[in-house]
Protein backbone atom coordinates (compact mmCIF):
# COMPACT_ATOMS: atom_id res chain seq x y z
CA UNK A 1 233.57 1.35 62.24
CA UNK A 2 231.78 2.36 65.59
CA UNK A 3 229.68 5.60 64.99
CA UNK A 4 231.14 6.93 68.21
CA UNK A 5 234.58 7.09 66.58
CA UNK A 6 233.00 9.05 63.48
CA UNK A 7 233.26 11.80 66.04
CA UNK A 8 237.16 11.96 65.83
CA UNK A 9 236.84 12.71 62.14
CA UNK A 10 236.19 15.96 61.91
CA UNK A 11 238.17 17.68 59.45
CA UNK A 12 238.74 14.18 57.65
CA UNK A 13 237.30 12.70 54.54
CA UNK A 14 235.00 9.60 55.17
CA UNK A 15 232.46 7.58 53.13
CA UNK A 16 228.98 7.63 54.57
CA UNK A 17 226.28 5.44 53.56
CA UNK A 18 222.83 6.45 54.70
CA UNK A 19 219.56 3.99 55.29
CA UNK A 20 218.05 5.47 52.05
CA UNK A 21 220.77 4.31 49.99
CA UNK A 22 222.82 7.41 49.70
CA UNK A 23 226.49 7.11 49.38
CA UNK A 24 228.92 10.02 49.51
CA UNK A 25 232.38 10.73 50.17
CA UNK A 26 232.19 13.74 52.38
CA UNK A 27 234.55 16.25 54.45
CA UNK A 28 233.24 15.96 58.09
CA UNK A 29 232.91 19.58 59.03
CA UNK A 30 230.99 19.29 62.75
CA UNK A 31 229.43 16.58 64.88
CA UNK A 32 226.91 16.83 67.88
CA UNK A 33 228.99 14.53 69.77
CA UNK A 34 226.87 14.89 73.32
CA UNK A 35 223.48 14.15 71.47
CA UNK A 36 224.72 12.01 68.66
CA UNK A 37 222.04 13.59 66.81
CA UNK A 38 223.73 15.39 63.79
CA UNK A 39 226.62 15.32 61.58
CA UNK A 40 227.69 18.22 59.21
CA UNK A 41 229.68 17.45 55.95
CA UNK A 42 230.81 18.68 52.91
CA UNK A 43 229.91 16.59 49.76
CA UNK A 44 233.17 15.56 47.67
CA UNK A 45 231.58 12.70 45.81
CA UNK A 46 228.41 11.02 45.06
CA UNK A 47 228.64 7.30 44.47
CA UNK A 48 224.64 6.94 44.83
CA UNK A 49 222.01 9.32 45.41
CA UNK A 50 219.35 8.53 48.12
CA UNK A 51 215.63 8.88 48.34
CA UNK A 52 215.63 11.42 50.95
CA UNK A 53 214.31 15.09 50.62
CA UNK A 54 217.78 16.41 49.76
CA UNK A 55 218.40 13.62 47.11
CA UNK A 56 219.26 16.52 44.76
CA UNK A 57 222.46 17.20 46.91
CA UNK A 58 225.50 17.98 44.80
CA UNK A 59 229.30 18.18 45.02
CA UNK A 60 230.24 20.93 47.33
CA UNK A 61 227.40 21.22 49.17
CA UNK A 62 227.38 21.45 52.81
CA UNK A 63 224.45 18.86 54.38
CA UNK A 64 223.46 18.53 58.12
CA UNK A 65 222.18 14.77 58.34
CA UNK A 66 220.96 12.84 61.42
CA UNK A 67 222.99 10.37 62.57
CA UNK A 68 219.98 8.06 63.08
CA UNK A 69 219.87 7.74 59.10
CA UNK A 70 223.36 6.95 58.97
CA UNK A 71 223.67 2.94 58.03
CA UNK A 72 227.59 2.94 58.20
CA UNK A 73 230.64 4.91 57.47
CA UNK A 74 234.27 4.35 57.01
CA UNK A 75 237.58 6.54 56.73
CA UNK A 76 238.71 7.41 53.43
CA UNK A 77 241.93 9.04 54.26
């Protein structure tokens, strides 16, 4: 899906795949739509940990990530 559609997913569960290999299901809490720079989400399930500094992310954690690091995403529900 187009990254611009991600901004419409606030409050919904999506699967996020990052360039470093991290792959998580998460509830989108907030987006920084005007600049397309930040995504805030709550981790629901970890499919694969990445190699970023926050690779120790755990279920229930709230994470702020740069959308520049996002490889792809898809709606789950």
